[in-house]
Amino acid sequence: EGNEPGDSTKITYRELLHKVCQFANVLRSQGVKKGDRISIYMPMILELVVAMLACARIGALHSIAFAGFSADSLCERILDCSCSLLIT
């Protein structure tokens, strides 16, 4: 469910697994490997869940910065965790 009332999406476990595996392959093609740090800057949408699970699937650590953060706050978080990739 999203932030707005009535804003929801239904997905099966099979569909979710397919999306997670696809995105995990995208991350691998970008050179992400086990132990890498990734920041995720997205609103509460299905793709946020897919990105989190794809990171977990390949063993990458993820830090979520919700879309309400300012550019300065996001910059500080990225620098603090020394992330190698930002997913938006």
PDB file of N, CA and C in Angstrom:
ATOM      1  N   GLU A   1       0.833  -1.172   0.000  1.00  0.00           N
ATOM      2  CA  GLU A   1       0.000   0.000   0.000  1.00  0.00           C
ATOM      3  C   GLU A   1       0.878   1.236   0.000  1.00  0.00           C
ATOM      4  N   GLY A   2       0.438   2.253  -0.723  1.00  0.00           N
ATOM      5  CA  GLY A   2       1.188   3.492  -0.812  1.00  0.00           C
ATOM      6  C   GLY A   2       0.843   4.459   0.301  1.00  0.00           C
ATOM      7  N   ASN A   3       1.328   5.673   0.180  1.00  0.00           N
ATOM      8  CA  ASN A   3       1.086   6.695   1.189  1.00  0.00           C
ATOM      9  C   ASN A   3      -0.345   7.200   1.175  1.00  0.00           C
ATOM     10  N   GLU A   4      -0.943   7.267   0.006  1.00  0.00           N
ATOM     11  CA  GLU A   4      -2.305   7.777  -0.125  1.00  0.00           C
ATOM     12  C   GLU A   4      -3.317   6.664   0.134  1.00  0.00           C
ATOM     13  N   PRO A   5      -4.423   6.974   0.832  1.00  0.00           N
ATOM     14  CA  PRO A   5      -5.465   5.958   1.012  1.00  0.00           C
ATOM     15  C   PRO A   5      -6.017   5.499  -0.342  1.00  0.00           C
ATOM     16  N   GLY A   6      -6.175   4.231  -0.483  1.00  0.00           N
ATOM     17  CA  GLY A   6      -6.679   3.695  -1.742  1.00  0.00           C
ATOM     18  C   GLY A   6      -5.604   3.467  -2.788  1.00  0.00           C
ATOM     19  N   ASP A   7      -4.366   3.878  -2.516  1.00  0.00           N
ATOM     20  CA  ASP A   7      -3.255   3.691  -3.448  1.00  0.00           C
ATOM     21  C   ASP A   7      -2.587   2.362  -3.113  1.00  0.00           C
ATOM     22  N   SER A   8      -2.941   1.317  -3.873  1.00  0.00           N
ATOM     23  CA  SER A   8      -2.375   0.003  -3.590  1.00  0.00           C
ATOM     24  C   SER A   8      -2.157  -0.759  -4.892  1.00  0.00           C
ATOM     25  N   THR A   9      -1.293  -1.749  -4.807  1.00  0.00           N
ATOM     26  CA  THR A   9      -0.977  -2.612  -5.936  1.00  0.00           C
ATOM     27  C   THR A   9      -0.986  -4.046  -5.440  1.00  0.00           C
ATOM     28  N   LYS A  10      -1.490  -4.946  -6.244  1.00  0.00           N
ATOM     29  CA  LYS A  10      -1.459  -6.366  -5.899  1.00  0.00           C
ATOM     30  C   LYS A  10      -0.449  -7.058  -6.803  1.00  0.00           C
ATOM     31  N   ILE A  11       0.320  -7.955  -6.199  1.00  0.00           N
ATOM     32  CA  ILE A  11       1.341  -8.688  -6.937  1.00  0.00           C
ATOM     33  C   ILE A  11       1.464 -10.068  -6.304  1.00  0.00           C
ATOM     34  N   THR A  12       1.704 -11.064  -7.123  1.00  0.00           N
ATOM     35  CA  THR A  12       1.880 -12.417  -6.596  1.00  0.00           C
ATOM     36  C   THR A  12       3.341 -12.613  -6.195  1.00  0.00           C
ATOM     37  N   TYR A  13       3.592 -13.636  -5.392  1.00  0.00           N
ATOM     38  CA  TYR A  13       4.967 -13.937  -5.011  1.00  0.00           C
ATOM     39  C   TYR A  13       5.804 -14.265  -6.250  1.00  0.00           C
ATOM     40  N   ARG A  14       5.214 -14.938  -7.210  1.00  0.00           N
ATOM     41  CA  ARG A  14       5.942 -15.286  -8.433  1.00  0.00           C
ATOM     42  C   ARG A  14       6.340 -14.029  -9.209  1.00  0.00           C
ATOM     43  N   GLU A  15       5.408 -13.093  -9.336  1.00  0.00           N
ATOM     44  CA  GLU A  15       5.707 -11.836 -10.034  1.00  0.00           C
ATOM     45  C   GLU A  15       6.776 -11.037  -9.296  1.00  0.00           C
ATOM     46  N   LEU A  16       6.681 -11.018  -7.970  1.00  0.00           N
ATOM     47  CA  LEU A  16       7.683 -10.305  -7.174  1.00  0.00           C
ATOM     48  C   LEU A  16       9.056 -10.936  -7.344  1.00  0.00           C
ATOM     49  N   LEU A  17       9.124 -12.255  -7.275  1.00  0.00           N
ATOM     50  CA  LEU A  17      10.403 -12.945  -7.458  1.00  0.00           C
ATOM     51  C   LEU A  17      10.991 -12.638  -8.824  1.00  0.00           C
ATOM     52  N   HIS A  18      10.166 -12.630  -9.853  1.00  0.00           N
ATOM     53  CA  HIS A  18      10.641 -12.327 -11.207  1.00  0.00           C
ATOM     54  C   HIS A  18      11.234 -10.916 -11.267  1.00  0.00           C
ATOM     55  N   LYS A  19      10.527  -9.930 -10.701  1.00  0.00           N
ATOM     56  CA  LYS A  19      11.013  -8.550 -10.708  1.00  0.00           C
ATOM     57  C   LYS A  19      12.306  -8.408  -9.900  1.00  0.00           C
ATOM     58  N   VAL A  20      12.374  -9.088  -8.749  1.00  0.00           N
ATOM     59  CA  VAL A  20      13.567  -9.023  -7.909  1.00  0.00           C
ATOM     60  C   VAL A  20      14.765  -9.623  -8.634  1.00  0.00           C
ATOM     61  N   CYS A  21      14.580 -10.764  -9.269  1.00  0.00           N
ATOM     62  CA  CYS A  21      15.678 -11.405  -9.997  1.00  0.00           C
ATOM     63  C   CYS A  21      16.136 -10.538 -11.171  1.00  0.00           C
ATOM     64  N   GLN A  22      15.191  -9.935 -11.870  1.00  0.00           N
ATOM     65  CA  GLN A  22      15.549  -9.034 -12.973  1.00  0.00           C
ATOM     66  C   GLN A  22      16.398  -7.877 -12.467  1.00  0.00           C
ATOM     67  N   PHE A  23      15.952  -7.249 -11.369  1.00  0.00           N
ATOM     68  CA  PHE A  23      16.686  -6.092 -10.869  1.00  0.00           C
ATOM     69  C   PHE A  23      18.024  -6.494 -10.265  1.00  0.00           C
ATOM     70  N   ALA A  24      18.095  -7.666  -9.654  1.00  0.00           N
ATOM     71  CA  ALA A  24      19.370  -8.164  -9.142  1.00  0.00           C
ATOM     72  C   ALA A  24      20.366  -8.337 -10.284  1.00  0.00           C
ATOM     73  N   ASN A  25      19.888  -8.812 -11.429  1.00  0.00           N
ATOM     74  CA  ASN A  25      20.766  -8.945 -12.597  1.00  0.00           C
ATOM     75  C   ASN A  25      21.217  -7.580 -13.116  1.00  0.00           C
ATOM     76  N   VAL A  26      20.344  -6.582 -13.050  1.00  0.00           N
ATOM     77  CA  VAL A  26      20.725  -5.219 -13.441  1.00  0.00           C
ATOM     78  C   VAL A  26      21.828  -4.709 -12.515  1.00  0.00           C
ATOM     79  N   LEU A  27      21.653  -4.929 -11.211  1.00  0.00           N
ATOM     80  CA  LEU A  27      22.673  -4.492 -10.260  1.00  0.00           C
ATOM     81  C   LEU A  27      24.006  -5.183 -10.524  1.00  0.00           C
ATOM     82  N   ARG A  28      23.956  -6.486 -10.770  1.00  0.00           N
ATOM     83  CA  ARG A  28      25.187  -7.229 -11.077  1.00  0.00           C
ATOM     84  C   ARG A  28      25.853  -6.692 -12.336  1.00  0.00           C
ATOM     85  N   SER A  29      25.051  -6.334 -13.342  1.00  0.00           N
ATOM     86  CA  SER A  29      25.619  -5.807 -14.588  1.00  0.00           C
ATOM     87  C   SER A  29      26.274  -4.439 -14.372  1.00  0.00           C
ATOM     88  N   GLN A  30      25.883  -3.747 -13.304  1.00  0.00           N
ATOM     89  CA  GLN A  30      26.495  -2.464 -12.953  1.00  0.00           C
ATOM     90  C   GLN A  30      27.717  -2.652 -12.043  1.00  0.00           C
ATOM     91  N   GLY A  31      28.074  -3.898 -11.779  1.00  0.00           N
ATOM     92  CA  GLY A  31      29.262  -4.196 -10.987  1.00  0.00           C
ATOM     93  C   GLY A  31      29.023  -4.320  -9.493  1.00  0.00           C
ATOM     94  N   VAL A  32      27.768  -4.341  -9.059  1.00  0.00           N
ATOM     95  CA  VAL A  32      27.457  -4.483  -7.638  1.00  0.00           C
ATOM     96  C   VAL A  32      27.692  -5.933  -7.227  1.00  0.00           C
ATOM     97  N   LYS A  33      28.366  -6.100  -6.093  1.00  0.00           N
ATOM     98  CA  LYS A  33      28.649  -7.449  -5.606  1.00  0.00           C
ATOM     99  C   LYS A  33      28.390  -7.522  -4.101  1.00  0.00           C
ATOM    100  N   LYS A  34      28.517  -8.695  -3.556  1.00  0.00           N
ATOM    101  CA  LYS A  34      28.263  -8.933  -2.140  1.00  0.00           C
ATOM    102  C   LYS A  34      29.117  -7.992  -1.295  1.00  0.00           C
ATOM    103  N   GLY A  35      28.475  -7.351  -0.322  1.00  0.00           N
ATOM    104  CA  GLY A  35      29.190  -6.449   0.579  1.00  0.00           C
ATOM    105  C   GLY A  35      29.199  -4.996   0.144  1.00  0.00           C
ATOM    106  N   ASP A  36      28.841  -4.708  -1.114  1.00  0.00           N
ATOM    107  CA  ASP A  36      28.769  -3.314  -1.570  1.00  0.00           C
ATOM    108  C   ASP A  36      27.644  -2.593  -0.846  1.00  0.00           C
ATOM    109  N   ARG A  37      27.790  -1.284  -0.722  1.00  0.00           N
ATOM    110  CA  ARG A  37      26.763  -0.468  -0.073  1.00  0.00           C
ATOM    111  C   ARG A  37      25.994   0.322  -1.124  1.00  0.00           C
ATOM    112  N   ILE A  38      24.682   0.286  -1.000  1.00  0.00           N
ATOM    113  CA  ILE A  38      23.813   0.951  -1.969  1.00  0.00           C
ATOM    114  C   ILE A  38      22.810   1.817  -1.218  1.00  0.00           C
ATOM    115  N   SER A  39      22.603   3.037  -1.686  1.00  0.00           N
ATOM    116  CA  SER A  39      21.555   3.893  -1.135  1.00  0.00           C
ATOM    117  C   SER A  39      20.356   3.854  -2.069  1.00  0.00           C
ATOM    118  N   ILE A  40      19.181   3.845  -1.473  1.00  0.00           N
ATOM    119  CA  ILE A  40      17.933   3.831  -2.245  1.00  0.00           C
ATOM    120  C   ILE A  40      17.144   5.073  -1.868  1.00  0.00           C
ATOM    121  N   TYR A  41      16.824   5.898  -2.869  1.00  0.00           N
ATOM    122  CA  TYR A  41      16.103   7.156  -2.665  1.00  0.00           C
ATOM    123  C   TYR A  41      14.836   7.098  -3.506  1.00  0.00           C
ATOM    124  N   MET A  42      13.756   6.586  -2.888  1.00  0.00           N
ATOM    125  CA  MET A  42      12.515   6.375  -3.623  1.00  0.00           C
ATOM    126  C   MET A  42      11.317   6.591  -2.700  1.00  0.00           C
ATOM    127  N   PRO A  43      10.173   6.914  -3.278  1.00  0.00           N
ATOM    128  CA  PRO A  43       8.954   6.984  -2.466  1.00  0.00           C
ATOM    129  C   PRO A  43       8.451   5.570  -2.164  1.00  0.00           C
ATOM    130  N   MET A  44       7.368   5.473  -1.422  1.00  0.00           N
ATOM    131  CA  MET A  44       6.792   4.183  -1.054  1.00  0.00           C
ATOM    132  C   MET A  44       6.039   3.589  -2.245  1.00  0.00           C
ATOM    133  N   ILE A  45       6.788   2.937  -3.134  1.00  0.00           N
ATOM    134  CA  ILE A  45       6.211   2.294  -4.308  1.00  0.00           C
ATOM    135  C   ILE A  45       6.741   0.865  -4.380  1.00  0.00           C
ATOM    136  N   LEU A  46       6.135   0.069  -5.225  1.00  0.00           N
ATOM    137  CA  LEU A  46       6.530  -1.331  -5.361  1.00  0.00           C
ATOM    138  C   LEU A  46       8.007  -1.475  -5.722  1.00  0.00           C
ATOM    139  N   GLU A  47       8.511  -0.573  -6.540  1.00  0.00           N
ATOM    140  CA  GLU A  47       9.907  -0.660  -6.979  1.00  0.00           C
ATOM    141  C   GLU A  47      10.886  -0.508  -5.819  1.00  0.00           C
ATOM    142  N   LEU A  48      10.477   0.181  -4.756  1.00  0.00           N
ATOM    143  CA  LEU A  48      11.327   0.285  -3.569  1.00  0.00           C
ATOM    144  C   LEU A  48      11.525  -1.093  -2.949  1.00  0.00           C
ATOM    145  N   VAL A  49      10.454  -1.847  -2.830  1.00  0.00           N
ATOM    146  CA  VAL A  49      10.527  -3.201  -2.273  1.00  0.00           C
ATOM    147  C   VAL A  49      11.382  -4.094  -3.174  1.00  0.00           C
ATOM    148  N   VAL A  50      11.194  -3.976  -4.472  1.00  0.00           N
ATOM    149  CA  VAL A  50      11.983  -4.763  -5.424  1.00  0.00           C
ATOM    150  C   VAL A  50      13.465  -4.438  -5.277  1.00  0.00           C
ATOM    151  N   ALA A  51      13.810  -3.161  -5.174  1.00  0.00           N
ATOM    152  CA  ALA A  51      15.214  -2.758  -5.036  1.00  0.00           C
ATOM    153  C   ALA A  51      15.813  -3.292  -3.736  1.00  0.00           C
ATOM    154  N   MET A  52      15.068  -3.195  -2.626  1.00  0.00           N
ATOM    155  CA  MET A  52      15.559  -3.704  -1.344  1.00  0.00           C
ATOM    156  C   MET A  52      15.820  -5.208  -1.412  1.00  0.00           C
ATOM    157  N   LEU A  53      14.852  -5.950  -1.948  1.00  0.00           N
ATOM    158  CA  LEU A  53      15.001  -7.402  -2.022  1.00  0.00           C
ATOM    159  C   LEU A  53      16.097  -7.820  -3.007  1.00  0.00           C
ATOM    160  N   ALA A  54      16.279  -7.064  -4.080  1.00  0.00           N
ATOM    161  CA  ALA A  54      17.349  -7.369  -5.037  1.00  0.00           C
ATOM    162  C   ALA A  54      18.713  -7.170  -4.382  1.00  0.00           C
ATOM    163  N   CYS A  55      18.852  -6.124  -3.584  1.00  0.00           N
ATOM    164  CA  CYS A  55      20.101  -5.911  -2.849  1.00  0.00           C
ATOM    165  C   CYS A  55      20.366  -7.079  -1.903  1.00  0.00           C
ATOM    166  N   ALA A  56      19.343  -7.463  -1.166  1.00  0.00           N
ATOM    167  CA  ALA A  56      19.489  -8.583  -0.236  1.00  0.00           C
ATOM    168  C   ALA A  56      19.824  -9.872  -0.980  1.00  0.00           C
ATOM    169  N   ARG A  57      19.248 -10.053  -2.140  1.00  0.00           N
ATOM    170  CA  ARG A  57      19.456 -11.280  -2.916  1.00  0.00           C
ATOM    171  C   ARG A  57      20.909 -11.450  -3.330  1.00  0.00           C
ATOM    172  N   ILE A  58      21.588 -10.343  -3.653  1.00  0.00           N
ATOM    173  CA  ILE A  58      22.991 -10.453  -4.075  1.00  0.00           C
ATOM    174  C   ILE A  58      23.964 -10.179  -2.925  1.00  0.00           C
ATOM    175  N   GLY A  59      23.426  -9.866  -1.733  1.00  0.00           N
ATOM    176  CA  GLY A  59      24.284  -9.665  -0.568  1.00  0.00           C
ATOM    177  C   GLY A  59      24.817  -8.256  -0.427  1.00  0.00           C
ATOM    178  N   ALA A  60      24.223  -7.302  -1.122  1.00  0.00           N
ATOM    179  CA  ALA A  60      24.629  -5.905  -0.994  1.00  0.00           C
ATOM    180  C   ALA A  60      23.866  -5.266   0.170  1.00  0.00           C
ATOM    181  N   LEU A  61      24.517  -4.391   0.877  1.00  0.00           N
ATOM    182  CA  LEU A  61      23.878  -3.677   1.981  1.00  0.00           C
ATOM    183  C   LEU A  61      23.130  -2.483   1.418  1.00  0.00           C
ATOM    184  N   HIS A  62      21.944  -2.219   1.938  1.00  0.00           N
ATOM    185  CA  HIS A  62      21.192  -1.074   1.424  1.00  0.00           C
ATOM    186  C   HIS A  62      20.777  -0.141   2.557  1.00  0.00           C
ATOM    187  N   SER A  63      20.743   1.143   2.209  1.00  0.00           N
ATOM    188  CA  SER A  63      20.298   2.182   3.123  1.00  0.00           C
ATOM    189  C   SER A  63      19.193   2.950   2.414  1.00  0.00           C
ATOM    190  N   ILE A  64      18.056   3.075   3.078  1.00  0.00           N
ATOM    191  CA  ILE A  64      16.914   3.723   2.443  1.00  0.00           C
ATOM    192  C   ILE A  64      16.803   5.159   2.934  1.00  0.00           C
ATOM    193  N   ALA A  65      16.749   6.085   1.991  1.00  0.00           N
ATOM    194  CA  ALA A  65      16.486   7.495   2.283  1.00  0.00           C
ATOM    195  C   ALA A  65      15.165   7.820   1.598  1.00  0.00           C
ATOM    196  N   PHE A  66      14.126   8.039   2.374  1.00  0.00           N
ATOM    197  CA  PHE A  66      12.820   8.280   1.782  1.00  0.00           C
ATOM    198  C   PHE A  66      12.807   9.593   1.020  1.00  0.00           C
ATOM    199  N   ALA A  67      11.933   9.692   0.058  1.00  0.00           N
ATOM    200  CA  ALA A  67      11.919  10.791  -0.907  1.00  0.00           C
ATOM    201  C   ALA A  67      11.704  12.163  -0.279  1.00  0.00           C
ATOM    202  N   GLY A  68      11.362  12.239   0.996  1.00  0.00           N
ATOM    203  CA  GLY A  68      11.148  13.530   1.634  1.00  0.00           C
ATOM    204  C   GLY A  68      12.435  14.215   2.071  1.00  0.00           C
ATOM    205  N   PHE A  69      13.570  13.527   2.008  1.00  0.00           N
ATOM    206  CA  PHE A  69      14.830  14.125   2.442  1.00  0.00           C
ATOM    207  C   PHE A  69      15.307  15.180   1.454  1.00  0.00           C
ATOM    208  N   SER A  70      15.962  16.191   1.976  1.00  0.00           N
ATOM    209  CA  SER A  70      16.524  17.241   1.117  1.00  0.00           C
ATOM    210  C   SER A  70      17.794  16.720   0.438  1.00  0.00           C
ATOM    211  N   ALA A  71      18.277  17.481  -0.523  1.00  0.00           N
ATOM    212  CA  ALA A  71      19.493  17.092  -1.241  1.00  0.00           C
ATOM    213  C   ALA A  71      20.686  17.027  -0.283  1.00  0.00           C
ATOM    214  N   ASP A  72      20.761  17.962   0.662  1.00  0.00           N
ATOM    215  CA  ASP A  72      21.868  17.955   1.621  1.00  0.00           C
ATOM    216  C   ASP A  72      21.815  16.736   2.535  1.00  0.00           C
ATOM    217  N   SER A  73      20.619  16.402   3.017  1.00  0.00           N
ATOM    218  CA  SER A  73      20.469  15.227   3.880  1.00  0.00           C
ATOM    219  C   SER A  73      20.832  13.951   3.129  1.00  0.00           C
ATOM    220  N   LEU A  74      20.390  13.870   1.885  1.00  0.00           N
ATOM    221  CA  LEU A  74      20.714  12.696   1.077  1.00  0.00           C
ATOM    222  C   LEU A  74      22.222  12.601   0.857  1.00  0.00           C
ATOM    223  N   CYS A  75      22.853  13.717   0.564  1.00  0.00           N
ATOM    224  CA  CYS A  75      24.306  13.744   0.347  1.00  0.00           C
ATOM    225  C   CYS A  75      25.049  13.258   1.589  1.00  0.00           C
ATOM    226  N   GLU A  76      24.632  13.718   2.763  1.00  0.00           N
ATOM    227  CA  GLU A  76      25.281  13.286   4.005  1.00  0.00           C
ATOM    228  C   GLU A  76      25.140  11.790   4.216  1.00  0.00           C
ATOM    229  N   ARG A  77      23.963  11.244   3.959  1.00  0.00           N
ATOM    230  CA  ARG A  77      23.753   9.802   4.117  1.00  0.00           C
ATOM    231  C   ARG A  77      24.624   9.006   3.152  1.00  0.00           C
ATOM    232  N   ILE A  78      24.705   9.467   1.909  1.00  0.00           N
ATOM    233  CA  ILE A  78      25.517   8.761   0.917  1.00  0.00           C
ATOM    234  C   ILE A  78      26.980   8.760   1.335  1.00  0.00           C
ATOM    235  N   LEU A  79      27.474   9.910   1.756  1.00  0.00           N
ATOM    236  CA  LEU A  79      28.876   9.997   2.163  1.00  0.00           C
ATOM    237  C   LEU A  79      29.145   9.196   3.430  1.00  0.00           C
ATOM    238  N   ASP A  80      28.211   9.211   4.379  1.00  0.00           N
ATOM    239  CA  ASP A  80      28.397   8.473   5.630  1.00  0.00           C
ATOM    240  C   ASP A  80      28.506   6.970   5.409  1.00  0.00           C
ATOM    241  N   CYS A  81      27.713   6.444   4.497  1.00  0.00           N
ATOM    242  CA  CYS A  81      27.752   4.981   4.297  1.00  0.00           C
ATOM    243  C   CYS A  81      28.700   4.579   3.173  1.00  0.00           C
ATOM    244  N   SER A  82      29.335   5.539   2.527  1.00  0.00           N
ATOM    245  CA  SER A  82      30.290   5.248   1.428  1.00  0.00           C
ATOM    246  C   SER A  82      29.666   4.346   0.378  1.00  0.00           C
ATOM    247  N   CYS A  83      28.460   4.693  -0.053  1.00  0.00           N
ATOM    248  CA  CYS A  83      27.779   3.821  -1.014  1.00  0.00           C
ATOM    249  C   CYS A  83      28.395   3.942  -2.401  1.00  0.00           C
ATOM    250  N   SER A  84      28.286   2.862  -3.143  1.00  0.00           N
ATOM    251  CA  SER A  84      28.852   2.822  -4.492  1.00  0.00           C
ATOM    252  C   SER A  84      27.789   3.059  -5.564  1.00  0.00           C
ATOM    253  N   LEU A  85      26.507   3.072  -5.154  1.00  0.00           N
ATOM    254  CA  LEU A  85      25.432   3.235  -6.122  1.00  0.00           C
ATOM    255  C   LEU A  85      24.242   3.866  -5.427  1.00  0.00           C
ATOM    256  N   LEU A  86      23.546   4.747  -6.160  1.00  0.00           N
ATOM    257  CA  LEU A  86      22.316   5.354  -5.665  1.00  0.00           C
ATOM    258  C   LEU A  86      21.186   4.945  -6.599  1.00  0.00           C
ATOM    259  N   ILE A  87      20.151   4.324  -6.048  1.00  0.00           N
ATOM    260  CA  ILE A  87      18.982   3.917  -6.831  1.00  0.00           C
ATOM    261  C   ILE A  87      17.892   4.947  -6.587  1.00  0.00           C
ATOM    262  N   THR A  88      17.393   5.554  -7.667  1.00  0.00           N
ATOM    263  CA  THR A  88      16.324   6.542  -7.543  1.00  0.00           C
ATOM    264  C   THR A  88      15.161   6.139  -8.407  1.00  0.00           C
TER     265      THR A  88
END
